[in-house]
Amino acid sequence: MTTEQILEPKEKIRALLKKELFFGVENNNVNMIKRVMNNDHFNDDFRGVLSRVGSEKVLAFFVQKGLIIKEEYDKFLFTSLNSETFQPQLAQAFIDNGLDPDHHNNPQELSPLQELAVNGKKDLLLQLKSAETQKNFFSDGDEFDNFAKFSKAKALLGLAYSEHDFPIASDTFKKLIRDYSPRVKGEKINSELIEKIIDGTQINLSSGNNIEVIKASWENHAAYFVIESDFNKAPLKLSYCDGVNDSGNSGNKYKFGEYCFDLSLEKVRLIENDGSNPTEKLKIELEIITSSTEIDDYEDSFNLADKLSKIFGESNVNQQNRGNSAIESYKYEGINRRIRTKPQKRGNCTIKSFNIVLRSVLNKIDPEKEEDNREAYKKFKRTLIKDNIRDLVEVEEKTTNKDKFWYSDLCDTSQRALNKYEKKLLNKKPEEIAKAPNKSVKIVSATNCFGFGNSSRNVR
């Protein structure tokens, strides 16, 4: 039986399209390539596959021949440039042909140029020219640094503070939170802890056990596992942390972001893979399970926790009280649902799931002070928002050339953030409003926590 016969119909079409695409490039068949690219199954995921399989020749061909549909041109090609495996000749194709800097310049998402800036592609971006004017995007390194600072602030505020969808790749978020971490100096949450979480570094507990955080292997959804092991690398407990959507079926405002259960060492030892010890075997198996499981909403997340508990858990879910309202009627034996949270509704699972795993780790480090841990998390989130609003305003004040392609996006993004801050201020801090003349909230008088110095920009 061939691979094509085994695949589902949709997957079969995608496999055939991929073959046809490469054949078209190898044989310089422009019409074949265009036909593939205009097919409904040639979607963002498929483009991502191309950028990961060494398709630099394909992408360079697209650049040189101008085959990318205009609406997709920059985003498709910038995604490949943003990967760690892009080839110098592909970068040169960008430089030689020029790009449209204004494309995808949307306050509710990162533009391709902003994604590159966030991911530290400074040398490349300083060489890029506009296809229209043939002028460099940035006049010097200082201007790029301001653009990168703005891009990072826009991304973090979009994830943590926007009222709209703000999708972002997990790798980009990892870069963002790593760059921000040196500014985190809390007693409980600091740069060292954040680095250990995003890198999956072992964290020692006072009990003598240790925990490790691993990211689930989905490409389009962010979630985490926390494995607690003893000093002999024997896994003891598993937490699954996921900031998923709400399908709208259960009717409750709050859900649970963490599922915890005791592991059966006997079951884990029976895992057959290349892991060198039980904990490593469990990590590999979790990657396999999540790569073959789809997560769309809270119910899917619950079902995955149910599945994991049956495979690895010391006790199983008691099914006796399972009714129509399955999510809320499940009764557990040895499985805890923890960290009540509002489901995410705007595509920000990257930061939502990170926040949940951060709280989970805090509770494992200091289990007797969960309320203090929750307050530490809330302070971390407030500080992140304030720091990045401050960054936006500072960049706006430094930007003297108002004709820059990113200036309007900067102004729009900072105004949105400040408007939302004003709204929260009006709702929660009436004593601060009294300080502002004529009820007009100025940055300098709204609250000292922003630290904007002598700025007197009005927020309406």
Protein backbone atom coordinates (compact mmCIF):
# COMPACT_ATOMS: atom_id res chain seq x y z
CA MET A 1 0.00 0.00 0.00
CA THR A 2 1.43 3.40 -0.97
CA THR A 3 1.70 6.45 1.28
CA GLU A 4 -1.01 8.20 -0.78
CA GLN A 5 -3.42 5.29 -0.15
CA ILE A 6 -2.91 5.47 3.60
CA LEU A 7 -3.47 9.23 3.87
CA GLU A 8 -6.83 10.87 4.53
CA PRO A 9 -8.34 12.63 1.46
CA LYS A 10 -7.27 16.12 2.62
CA GLU A 11 -3.75 14.95 3.45
CA LYS A 12 -3.54 13.14 0.12
CA ILE A 13 -4.34 16.34 -1.75
CA ARG A 14 -1.69 18.23 0.19
CA ALA A 15 0.92 15.55 -0.49
CA LEU A 16 0.14 15.63 -4.20
CA LEU A 17 0.29 19.43 -4.25
CA LYS A 18 3.69 19.36 -2.60
CA LYS A 19 5.00 16.92 -5.24
CA GLU A 20 3.54 19.05 -8.01
CA LEU A 21 5.05 22.21 -6.58
CA PHE A 22 8.57 20.82 -6.45
CA PHE A 23 8.19 19.32 -9.91
CA GLY A 24 7.09 22.70 -11.22
CA VAL A 25 10.11 24.45 -9.72
CA GLU A 26 12.58 21.83 -10.93
CA ASN A 27 11.19 22.10 -14.47
CA ASN A 28 10.63 25.87 -14.48
CA ASN A 29 6.89 25.33 -15.06
CA VAL A 30 5.38 28.62 -13.95
CA ASN A 31 1.78 27.66 -14.76
CA MET A 32 2.01 24.52 -12.61
CA ILE A 33 3.39 26.51 -9.67
CA LYS A 34 0.64 29.10 -9.96
CA ARG A 35 -2.00 26.37 -10.09
CA VAL A 36 -0.68 24.84 -6.86
CA MET A 37 -0.49 28.17 -5.07
CA ASN A 38 -4.07 29.06 -5.99
CA ASN A 39 -5.41 25.75 -4.67
CA ASP A 40 -7.53 26.08 -1.52
CA HIS A 41 -5.39 23.44 0.22
CA PHE A 42 -2.23 25.52 -0.24
CA ASN A 43 -2.69 27.17 3.16
CA ASP A 44 -0.46 28.69 5.82
CA ASP A 45 0.37 25.30 7.34
CA PHE A 46 1.52 23.99 3.99
CA ARG A 47 3.74 27.01 3.46
CA GLY A 48 5.24 26.35 6.86
CA VAL A 49 6.02 22.80 5.81
CA LEU A 50 7.82 24.10 2.72
CA SER A 51 9.98 26.46 4.73
CA ARG A 52 11.10 23.60 6.98
CA VAL A 53 12.09 21.05 4.35
CA GLY A 54 14.99 22.88 2.79
CA SER A 55 12.96 24.55 0.07
CA GLU A 56 15.24 27.57 -0.37
CA LYS A 57 15.36 26.92 -4.12
CA VAL A 58 11.56 27.01 -4.26
CA LEU A 59 11.33 30.22 -2.27
CA ALA A 60 14.13 31.94 -4.17
CA PHE A 61 12.34 30.96 -7.38
CA PHE A 62 9.16 32.61 -6.06
CA VAL A 63 11.07 35.81 -5.32
CA GLN A 64 12.79 35.97 -8.67
CA LYS A 65 9.70 35.17 -10.74
CA GLY A 66 7.25 37.25 -8.72
CA LEU A 67 4.92 34.25 -8.36
CA ILE A 68 3.61 34.89 -4.86
CA ILE A 69 0.14 36.38 -4.81
CA LYS A 70 0.62 39.99 -3.62
CA GLU A 71 -1.46 39.56 -0.47
CA GLU A 72 0.77 36.66 0.61
CA TYR A 73 4.15 37.78 -0.75
CA ASP A 74 5.84 39.34 2.26
CA LYS A 75 4.34 37.13 4.92
CA PHE A 76 5.24 33.88 3.18
CA LEU A 77 8.80 34.87 2.38
CA PHE A 78 9.51 36.65 5.64
CA THR A 79 8.42 33.52 7.51
CA SER A 80 11.13 31.56 5.76
CA LEU A 81 13.70 34.27 6.46
CA ASN A 82 12.68 34.20 10.09
CA SER A 83 13.55 30.52 10.42
CA GLU A 84 16.94 29.43 11.75
CA THR A 85 17.68 27.46 8.58
CA PHE A 86 17.29 30.13 5.90
CA GLN A 87 20.04 30.26 3.28
CA PRO A 88 22.16 33.31 2.41
CA GLN A 89 21.15 33.14 -1.26
CA LEU A 90 17.50 33.47 -0.26
CA ALA A 91 18.29 36.55 1.83
CA GLN A 92 20.15 37.98 -1.14
CA ALA A 93 17.06 37.45 -3.30
CA PHE A 94 15.12 39.65 -0.88
CA ILE A 95 17.79 42.32 -0.91
CA ASP A 96 18.04 42.34 -4.71
CA ASN A 97 14.30 42.44 -5.35
CA GLY A 98 13.16 44.71 -2.53
CA LEU A 99 10.02 44.42 -0.45
CA ASP A 100 6.93 46.38 0.48
CA PRO A 101 7.42 47.55 4.09
CA ASP A 102 3.80 48.62 4.51
CA HIS A 103 2.31 45.22 3.73
CA HIS A 104 0.57 43.67 6.74
CA ASN A 105 1.19 46.87 8.72
CA ASN A 106 -1.70 46.17 11.08
CA PRO A 107 -1.93 47.23 14.75
CA GLN A 108 -3.61 43.91 15.55
CA GLU A 109 -0.75 41.72 14.33
CA LEU A 110 2.99 41.78 13.79
CA SER A 111 4.07 42.66 10.28
CA PRO A 112 6.71 40.43 8.66
CA LEU A 113 9.35 43.12 9.27
CA GLN A 114 8.35 43.32 12.92
CA GLU A 115 8.62 39.54 13.29
CA LEU A 116 12.16 39.69 11.91
CA ALA A 117 13.02 42.55 14.26
CA VAL A 118 11.67 40.67 17.28
CA ASN A 119 13.75 37.64 16.30
CA GLY A 120 16.97 39.67 16.14
CA LYS A 121 17.58 39.72 12.35
CA LYS A 122 19.22 43.15 12.59
CA ASP A 123 22.00 42.70 10.00
CA LEU A 124 19.53 41.42 7.43
CA LEU A 125 16.99 44.18 8.02
CA LEU A 126 19.61 46.91 7.77
CA GLN A 127 20.32 45.68 4.21
CA LEU A 128 16.73 45.38 3.01
CA LYS A 129 15.40 48.00 0.60
CA SER A 130 11.95 49.10 -0.43
CA ALA A 131 10.91 47.69 -3.81
CA GLU A 132 9.26 51.01 -4.62
CA THR A 133 11.94 53.55 -3.65
CA GLN A 134 15.04 51.32 -3.39
CA LYS A 135 15.86 53.09 -0.11
CA ASN A 136 16.92 51.15 2.96
CA PHE A 137 14.17 50.54 5.49
CA PHE A 138 16.35 51.87 8.29
CA SER A 139 18.89 54.67 8.10
CA ASP A 140 21.10 53.28 10.88
CA GLY A 141 21.32 50.85 13.78
CA ASP A 142 19.74 53.24 16.27
CA GLU A 143 16.63 53.59 14.15
CA PHE A 144 16.39 49.81 13.86
CA ASP A 145 16.76 49.46 17.65
CA ASN A 146 13.79 51.78 18.16
CA PHE A 147 11.78 49.79 15.63
CA ALA A 148 12.69 46.53 17.39
CA LYS A 149 11.76 48.00 20.80
CA PHE A 150 8.40 49.10 19.39
CA SER A 151 7.82 45.69 17.77
CA LYS A 152 8.49 43.80 21.00
CA ALA A 153 6.21 46.08 22.99
CA LYS A 154 3.48 45.77 20.38
CA ALA A 155 3.72 41.98 20.47
CA LEU A 156 3.65 41.60 24.27
CA LEU A 157 0.82 44.10 24.68
CA GLY A 158 -1.06 42.47 21.83
CA LEU A 159 -0.88 39.15 23.65
CA ALA A 160 -1.46 40.38 27.20
CA TYR A 161 -3.61 43.46 26.76
CA SER A 162 -5.34 43.59 23.37
CA GLU A 163 -9.07 43.09 23.04
CA HIS A 164 -8.59 41.49 19.62
CA ASP A 165 -7.02 38.33 18.26
CA PHE A 166 -3.23 38.59 18.25
CA PRO A 167 -1.83 35.31 16.92
CA ILE A 168 1.90 34.80 17.24
CA ALA A 169 4.28 31.87 16.76
CA SER A 170 5.45 30.07 19.90
CA ASP A 171 9.11 30.52 18.95
CA THR A 172 8.57 34.27 18.55
CA PHE A 173 6.91 34.42 21.98
CA LYS A 174 9.83 32.51 23.48
CA LYS A 175 12.22 35.11 22.06
CA LEU A 176 10.00 37.95 23.36
CA ILE A 177 9.72 36.65 26.91
CA ARG A 178 13.43 35.80 27.01
CA ASP A 179 14.36 39.35 26.00
CA TYR A 180 11.93 40.80 28.54
CA SER A 181 13.01 38.54 31.44
CA PRO A 182 16.02 40.65 32.63
CA ARG A 183 13.50 43.33 33.62
CA VAL A 184 11.63 40.93 35.91
CA LYS A 185 12.99 41.35 39.42
CA GLY A 186 10.24 40.09 41.72
CA GLU A 187 10.91 38.08 44.85
CA LYS A 188 9.01 35.06 43.52
CA ILE A 189 9.10 35.69 39.76
CA ASN A 190 12.44 36.74 38.33
CA SER A 191 14.50 36.34 35.19
CA GLU A 192 16.13 33.12 36.42
CA LEU A 193 12.78 31.41 36.94
CA ILE A 194 11.42 32.55 33.56
CA GLU A 195 14.54 31.32 31.78
CA LYS A 196 14.26 27.92 33.44
CA ILE A 197 10.62 27.60 32.41
CA ILE A 198 11.11 28.48 28.75
CA ASP A 199 14.29 26.40 28.48
CA GLY A 200 12.91 23.38 30.33
CA THR A 201 15.74 23.54 32.88
CA GLN A 202 15.41 21.50 36.07
CA ILE A 203 14.01 23.42 39.05
CA ASN A 204 14.85 22.03 42.50
CA LEU A 205 12.12 21.92 45.15
CA SER A 206 12.57 22.14 48.92
CA SER A 207 11.17 18.60 49.20
CA GLY A 208 14.24 17.23 47.41
CA ASN A 209 12.24 16.56 44.23
CA ASN A 210 12.62 18.56 41.05
CA ILE A 211 10.36 19.75 38.24
CA GLU A 212 10.87 20.30 34.53
CA VAL A 213 8.62 22.16 32.09
CA ILE A 214 8.22 20.85 28.57
CA LYS A 215 6.18 22.37 25.78
CA ALA A 216 3.52 20.32 24.04
CA SER A 217 4.44 19.51 20.46
CA TRP A 218 1.53 21.18 18.65
CA GLU A 219 2.54 23.67 15.98
CA ASN A 220 -0.56 25.86 16.16
CA HIS A 221 -1.35 25.72 19.86
CA ALA A 222 0.75 26.39 22.98
CA ALA A 223 0.46 24.27 26.12
CA TYR A 224 2.87 22.85 28.68
CA PHE A 225 3.55 19.86 30.89
CA VAL A 226 5.25 19.98 34.28
CA ILE A 227 6.89 16.73 35.37
CA GLU A 228 7.83 16.31 39.03
CA SER A 229 10.51 13.67 39.64
CA ASP A 230 12.58 12.46 42.55
CA PHE A 231 16.40 12.52 42.74
CA ASN A 232 16.53 9.13 40.96
CA LYS A 233 14.73 10.54 37.88
CA ALA A 234 11.59 8.62 38.81
CA PRO A 235 8.56 10.69 37.68
CA LEU A 236 6.01 11.23 40.44
CA LYS A 237 3.43 13.75 39.22
CA LEU A 238 2.28 15.32 35.96
CA SER A 239 0.59 18.65 35.36
CA TYR A 240 -0.96 19.62 32.04
CA CYS A 241 -1.26 23.44 31.66
CA ASP A 242 -3.38 24.82 28.83
CA GLY A 243 -5.03 28.18 28.17
CA VAL A 244 -7.54 26.95 25.62
CA ASN A 245 -10.69 28.39 24.03
CA ASP A 246 -14.16 27.94 25.47
CA SER A 247 -16.47 26.06 23.14
CA GLY A 248 -19.38 27.86 24.78
CA ASN A 249 -21.15 24.65 25.78
CA SER A 250 -20.56 24.58 29.50
CA GLY A 251 -21.86 28.04 30.34
CA ASN A 252 -19.34 28.81 33.09
CA LYS A 253 -17.23 31.98 33.08
CA TYR A 254 -14.19 30.30 34.62
CA LYS A 255 -12.46 27.07 33.64
CA PHE A 256 -9.44 25.18 34.91
CA GLY A 257 -6.05 25.74 33.36
CA GLU A 258 -4.16 22.92 35.08
CA TYR A 259 -4.79 19.19 35.47
CA CYS A 260 -2.57 17.35 37.96
CA PHE A 261 -2.34 13.69 38.85
CA ASP A 262 0.02 11.19 40.43
CA LEU A 263 1.98 9.08 37.99
CA SER A 264 2.29 5.32 38.10
CA LEU A 265 6.00 4.56 37.86
CA GLU A 266 5.11 1.03 36.82
CA LYS A 267 3.13 2.33 33.82
CA VAL A 268 5.82 4.83 32.85
CA ARG A 269 8.51 2.14 32.94
CA LEU A 270 6.50 0.12 30.41
CA ILE A 271 6.85 2.88 27.81
CA GLU A 272 8.84 1.64 24.84
CA ASN A 273 11.00 4.38 23.35
CA ASP A 274 14.62 5.56 23.41
CA GLY A 275 14.42 7.46 26.70
CA SER A 276 17.42 6.82 28.97
CA ASN A 277 15.34 6.89 32.18
CA PRO A 278 11.61 6.92 33.09
CA THR A 279 11.37 10.73 33.01
CA GLU A 280 12.95 10.92 29.58
CA LYS A 281 10.64 8.15 28.34
CA LEU A 282 7.65 10.12 29.59
CA LYS A 283 8.82 13.29 27.82
CA ILE A 284 9.14 11.46 24.51
CA GLU A 285 5.75 9.82 24.90
CA LEU A 286 4.04 13.15 25.71
CA GLU A 287 5.53 14.61 22.54
CA ILE A 288 4.17 11.68 20.52
CA ILE A 289 0.71 11.91 22.08
CA THR A 290 0.33 15.66 21.61
CA SER A 291 1.61 15.55 18.03
CA SER A 292 -1.24 13.18 17.18
CA THR A 293 -3.98 14.98 19.13
CA GLU A 294 -5.94 18.07 18.09
CA ILE A 295 -6.90 20.74 20.61
CA ASP A 296 -9.55 23.29 19.67
CA ASP A 297 -11.31 24.15 22.92
CA TYR A 298 -11.66 23.47 26.62
CA GLU A 299 -13.47 20.17 26.12
CA ASP A 300 -10.61 18.84 23.99
CA SER A 301 -8.18 19.87 26.70
CA PHE A 302 -10.23 18.05 29.30
CA ASN A 303 -10.39 14.92 27.17
CA LEU A 304 -6.62 14.95 26.73
CA ALA A 305 -6.13 15.15 30.50
CA ASP A 306 -8.54 12.23 30.83
CA LYS A 307 -6.53 10.23 28.27
CA LEU A 308 -3.20 10.98 29.95
CA SER A 309 -4.53 9.97 33.36
CA LYS A 310 -5.65 6.61 32.01
CA ILE A 311 -2.32 5.95 30.30
CA PHE A 312 0.06 7.14 33.02
CA GLY A 313 -1.97 7.90 36.14
CA GLU A 314 -2.05 6.08 39.47
CA SER A 315 -5.87 6.33 39.49
CA ASN A 316 -8.46 6.64 36.74
CA VAL A 317 -11.39 8.98 36.29
CA ASN A 318 -14.55 7.72 37.96
CA GLN A 319 -17.13 7.61 35.17
CA GLN A 320 -20.24 6.93 37.31
CA ASN A 321 -21.52 10.50 37.34
CA ARG A 322 -20.76 11.26 33.73
CA GLY A 323 -23.80 12.93 32.18
CA ASN A 324 -24.62 15.37 29.40
CA SER A 325 -22.61 18.09 31.05
CA ALA A 326 -19.52 15.93 30.99
CA ILE A 327 -16.90 18.54 31.73
CA GLU A 328 -18.38 19.66 35.02
CA SER A 329 -19.77 16.29 36.16
CA TYR A 330 -16.54 14.27 35.99
CA LYS A 331 -15.43 13.08 39.40
CA TYR A 332 -11.78 12.38 39.90
CA GLU A 333 -9.87 9.86 41.94
CA GLY A 334 -6.43 11.35 42.43
CA ILE A 335 -6.77 13.99 39.66
CA ASN A 336 -6.94 17.65 40.57
CA ARG A 337 -8.25 20.48 38.42
CA ARG A 338 -6.48 23.65 39.46
CA ILE A 339 -5.85 27.31 38.57
CA ARG A 340 -9.28 28.68 37.75
CA THR A 341 -8.96 30.95 34.75
CA LYS A 342 -11.01 32.65 32.08
CA PRO A 343 -10.71 30.78 28.77
CA GLN A 344 -8.85 32.71 26.10
CA LYS A 345 -11.06 33.99 23.29
CA ARG A 346 -8.59 35.87 21.09
CA GLY A 347 -5.94 33.48 19.90
CA ASN A 348 -3.41 34.31 22.63
CA CYS A 349 -2.76 30.78 23.91
CA THR A 350 0.99 31.48 23.73
CA ILE A 351 0.86 33.84 26.69
CA LYS A 352 -2.24 32.37 28.35
CA SER A 353 -0.67 28.91 28.65
CA PHE A 354 2.65 30.43 29.72
CA ASN A 355 0.91 32.34 32.51
CA ILE A 356 -0.80 29.15 33.69
CA VAL A 357 2.42 27.13 33.73
CA LEU A 358 4.16 30.01 35.53
CA ARG A 359 1.52 29.86 38.28
CA SER A 360 1.75 26.07 38.36
CA VAL A 361 5.52 26.24 38.91
CA LEU A 362 5.14 28.84 41.67
CA ASN A 363 2.65 26.61 43.46
CA LYS A 364 5.03 23.67 43.29
CA ILE A 365 7.95 25.74 44.59
CA ASP A 366 5.90 27.14 47.47
CA PRO A 367 2.71 25.05 47.87
CA GLU A 368 1.73 26.60 51.20
CA LYS A 369 1.37 30.11 49.78
CA GLU A 370 -0.84 29.79 46.71
CA GLU A 371 -2.56 33.12 47.33
CA ASP A 372 0.80 34.89 47.60
CA ASN A 373 1.85 33.15 44.38
CA ARG A 374 -1.28 34.37 42.65
CA GLU A 375 -0.57 37.95 43.74
CA ALA A 376 3.03 37.63 42.53
CA TYR A 377 1.74 36.52 39.12
CA LYS A 378 -0.74 39.41 38.95
CA LYS A 379 2.05 41.85 39.80
CA PHE A 380 4.24 40.32 37.08
CA LYS A 381 1.47 40.78 34.51
CA ARG A 382 0.80 44.40 35.59
CA THR A 383 4.50 45.22 35.41
CA LEU A 384 4.84 43.66 31.96
CA ILE A 385 1.99 45.80 30.67
CA LYS A 386 3.34 48.98 32.24
CA ASP A 387 6.88 48.39 31.02
CA ASN A 388 5.75 47.91 27.44
CA ILE A 389 3.37 50.87 27.40
CA ARG A 390 6.31 52.92 28.65
CA ASP A 391 8.45 51.54 25.81
CA LEU A 392 5.86 52.55 23.22
CA VAL A 393 5.67 56.11 24.49
CA GLU A 394 9.45 56.44 24.70
CA VAL A 395 9.92 55.23 21.12
CA GLU A 396 7.21 57.58 19.89
CA GLU A 397 8.91 60.52 21.58
CA LYS A 398 12.28 59.57 20.03
CA THR A 399 10.93 59.14 16.50
CA THR A 400 11.47 62.48 14.77
CA ASN A 401 10.82 61.28 11.22
CA LYS A 402 7.03 61.06 11.03
CA ASP A 403 7.18 59.76 7.44
CA LYS A 404 8.65 56.43 8.45
CA PHE A 405 6.59 53.47 7.23
CA TRP A 406 6.01 52.25 10.80
CA TYR A 407 5.18 55.59 12.47
CA SER A 408 1.39 55.40 12.05
CA ASP A 409 1.38 51.84 13.39
CA LEU A 410 3.42 53.01 16.41
CA CYS A 411 0.98 55.85 17.16
CA ASP A 412 -2.05 53.62 16.71
CA THR A 413 -0.63 50.86 18.91
CA SER A 414 0.40 53.19 21.74
CA GLN A 415 -2.95 55.02 21.64
CA ARG A 416 -4.87 51.76 21.88
CA ALA A 417 -2.80 50.66 24.88
CA LEU A 418 -3.13 54.03 26.62
CA ASN A 419 -6.88 54.16 25.98
CA LYS A 420 -7.31 50.78 27.62
CA TYR A 421 -5.14 51.88 30.53
CA GLU A 422 -7.28 54.99 30.93
CA LYS A 423 -10.41 52.85 30.94
CA LYS A 424 -9.01 50.67 33.71
CA LEU A 425 -7.89 53.76 35.59
CA LEU A 426 -11.38 55.25 35.44
CA ASN A 427 -12.87 52.01 36.72
CA LYS A 428 -10.39 51.18 39.47
CA LYS A 429 -8.40 54.23 40.57
CA PRO A 430 -10.72 57.20 41.22
CA GLU A 431 -8.15 58.80 43.52
CA GLU A 432 -5.81 59.16 40.53
CA ILE A 433 -8.49 60.82 38.39
CA ALA A 434 -8.82 63.56 40.99
CA LYS A 435 -5.16 64.45 40.42
CA ALA A 436 -5.68 65.04 36.70
CA PRO A 437 -6.90 68.55 35.73
CA ASN A 438 -10.32 68.71 34.09
CA LYS A 439 -10.67 64.96 34.40
CA SER A 440 -8.20 64.69 31.50
CA VAL A 441 -5.81 61.86 32.17
CA LYS A 442 -2.20 62.72 31.35
CA ILE A 443 0.59 60.23 31.39
CA VAL A 444 2.45 62.29 33.96
CA SER A 445 -0.54 62.43 36.32
CA ALA A 446 -2.31 59.15 35.63
CA THR A 447 -0.01 57.25 37.94
CA ASN A 448 3.64 57.37 38.86
CA CYS A 449 4.02 53.66 38.21
CA PHE A 450 4.59 54.30 34.50
CA GLY A 451 7.55 56.57 35.17
CA PHE A 452 7.20 58.61 31.97
CA GLY A 453 9.12 61.54 33.34
CA ASN A 454 7.90 64.91 32.04
CA SER A 455 5.71 63.58 29.24
CA SER A 456 2.48 65.55 28.99
CA ARG A 457 0.71 63.66 26.24
CA ASN A 458 -3.04 63.63 26.77
CA VAL A 459 -4.94 60.38 26.76
CA ARG A 460 -8.51 60.80 25.62
